[in-house]
Protein backbone atom coordinates (compact mmCIF):
# COMPACT_ATOMS: atom_id res chain seq x y z
CA UNK A 1 56.98 -4.32 14.49
CA UNK A 2 60.07 -2.27 15.34
CA UNK A 3 63.26 -3.24 13.51
CA UNK A 4 66.73 -3.32 15.07
CA UNK A 5 70.01 -3.67 13.20
CA UNK A 6 72.67 -5.36 15.37
CA UNK A 7 76.23 -4.62 14.21
CA UNK A 8 78.95 -6.71 15.86
CA UNK A 9 81.89 -8.73 14.54
CA UNK A 10 81.37 -11.48 17.13
CA UNK A 11 78.87 -14.06 15.86
CA UNK A 12 77.99 -15.21 19.40
CA UNK A 13 77.02 -11.66 20.41
CA UNK A 14 74.96 -11.16 17.24
CA UNK A 15 73.06 -14.39 17.83
CA UNK A 16 72.51 -13.66 21.55
CA UNK A 17 71.17 -10.17 20.79
CA UNK A 18 68.95 -11.54 18.00
CA UNK A 19 67.43 -14.22 20.22
CA UNK A 20 66.91 -11.93 23.22
CA UNK A 21 65.55 -8.97 21.22
CA UNK A 22 63.20 -11.16 19.16
CA UNK A 23 61.80 -12.47 22.46
CA UNK A 24 61.05 -8.82 23.28
CA UNK A 25 58.99 -8.58 20.08
CA UNK A 26 61.46 -6.84 17.76
CA UNK A 27 62.44 -7.80 14.24
CA UNK A 28 66.24 -8.15 14.24
CA UNK A 29 68.66 -7.92 11.33
CA UNK A 30 72.37 -8.70 11.74
CA UNK A 31 75.55 -7.24 10.28
CA UNK A 32 79.05 -8.61 10.93
CA UNK A 33 80.81 -5.32 10.22
CA UNK A 34 80.60 -1.69 9.25
CA UNK A 35 80.44 -2.10 5.48
CA UNK A 36 77.64 -4.67 5.74
CA UNK A 37 75.75 -2.43 8.16
CA UNK A 38 75.93 0.57 5.83
CA UNK A 39 74.74 -1.57 2.90
CA UNK A 40 71.76 -2.82 4.93
CA UNK A 41 71.02 0.74 6.05
CA UNK A 42 70.79 1.83 2.40
CA UNK A 43 68.31 -0.97 1.59
CA UNK A 44 65.99 -0.55 4.55
CA UNK A 45 65.93 1.77 7.51
CA UNK A 46 65.81 0.14 10.95
CA UNK A 47 64.17 1.87 13.92
CA UNK A 48 67.37 1.53 15.97
CA UNK A 49 70.96 0.29 15.60
CA UNK A 50 73.17 -1.38 18.18
CA UNK A 51 76.80 -0.83 17.23
CA UNK A 52 80.03 -2.41 18.43
CA UNK A 53 83.10 -0.14 18.41
CA UNK A 54 86.03 -2.53 17.96
CA UNK A 55 85.58 -4.31 14.65
CA UNK A 56 88.08 -5.26 11.95
CA UNK A 57 88.05 -3.05 8.88
CA UNK A 58 85.73 -0.12 9.46
CA UNK A 59 85.50 0.56 13.19
CA UNK A 60 82.33 1.53 14.99
CA UNK A 61 83.17 5.23 15.30
CA UNK A 62 83.57 5.52 11.53
CA UNK A 63 80.31 3.63 11.03
CA UNK A 64 78.61 5.98 13.50
CA UNK A 65 79.92 8.99 11.60
CA UNK A 66 78.59 7.59 8.31
CA UNK A 67 75.21 6.79 9.86
CA UNK A 68 74.96 10.36 11.18
CA UNK A 69 75.75 11.72 7.70
CA UNK A 70 72.73 9.82 6.37
CA UNK A 71 70.35 10.17 9.31
CA UNK A 72 70.84 12.33 12.39
CA UNK A 73 67.61 11.08 14.03
CA UNK A 74 68.15 7.30 13.88
CA UNK A 75 68.86 6.05 17.43
CA UNK A 76 72.29 4.39 17.72
CA UNK A 77 73.22 2.50 20.88
CA UNK A 78 76.91 1.75 21.23
CA UNK A 79 77.48 -1.71 22.75
CA UNK A 80 81.10 -2.38 23.57
CA UNK A 81 83.16 -4.36 26.02
CA UNK A 82 85.35 -1.31 26.55
CA UNK A 83 83.97 1.18 29.06
CA UNK A 84 86.91 3.54 28.41
CA UNK A 85 85.45 4.65 25.09
CA UNK A 86 82.69 6.48 26.94
CA UNK A 87 85.17 9.34 27.48
CA UNK A 88 85.92 9.58 23.75
CA UNK A 89 84.05 12.62 22.41
CA UNK A 90 83.33 10.79 19.15
CA UNK A 91 81.03 8.37 21.02
CA UNK A 92 78.88 11.31 22.08
CA UNK A 93 77.29 11.25 18.62
CA UNK A 94 75.56 8.05 19.71
CA UNK A 95 72.28 8.15 21.62
CA UNK A 96 73.33 5.72 24.35
CA UNK A 97 76.34 3.74 25.50
CA UNK A 98 76.04 0.26 27.02
CA UNK A 99 78.95 -1.89 28.18
CA UNK A 100 78.51 -5.46 26.88
CA UNK A 101 77.36 -8.06 29.36
CA UNK A 102 75.75 -11.48 29.19
CA UNK A 103 72.87 -9.82 31.09
CA UNK A 104 71.04 -7.77 28.48
CA UNK A 105 68.69 -6.05 30.95
CA UNK A 106 70.30 -2.61 30.57
CA UNK A 107 70.45 -2.88 26.77
CA UNK A 108 66.79 -3.91 26.59
CA UNK A 109 65.76 -1.01 28.83
CA UNK A 110 67.67 1.49 26.70
CA UNK A 111 66.16 0.09 23.48
CA UNK A 112 62.66 0.06 24.96
CA UNK A 113 63.10 3.70 26.01
CA UNK A 114 63.86 4.75 22.45
CA UNK A 115 61.34 2.60 20.60
CA UNK A 116 58.31 3.04 22.88
CA UNK A 117 58.37 6.76 22.16
CA UNK A 118 58.60 6.27 18.39
CA UNK A 119 55.39 6.10 16.37
């Protein structure tokens, strides 16, 4: 079973993603912020990470940079409510960029695209 780490400071978003992605057949682990995400990444490697950008403490771009230092191949999908970040060159280190919505169709398609091609 493919494992996804959902990193978002909003509990409602974390729980929505967990419920929806588990219905798709994925194992989902949650992190409320950057530090927690990096700790979980050290303990066990997920197959994909969804990452919010605007979080208190360590922001998503810093988390992305740290993830890339550890693993350049791990797919990271940025999920943010702010479409403007797409123009920020730092977000280009991610593998995909999805603007948050209550309709998770696009996010699920992006995730499926990455994980179906992985052994």
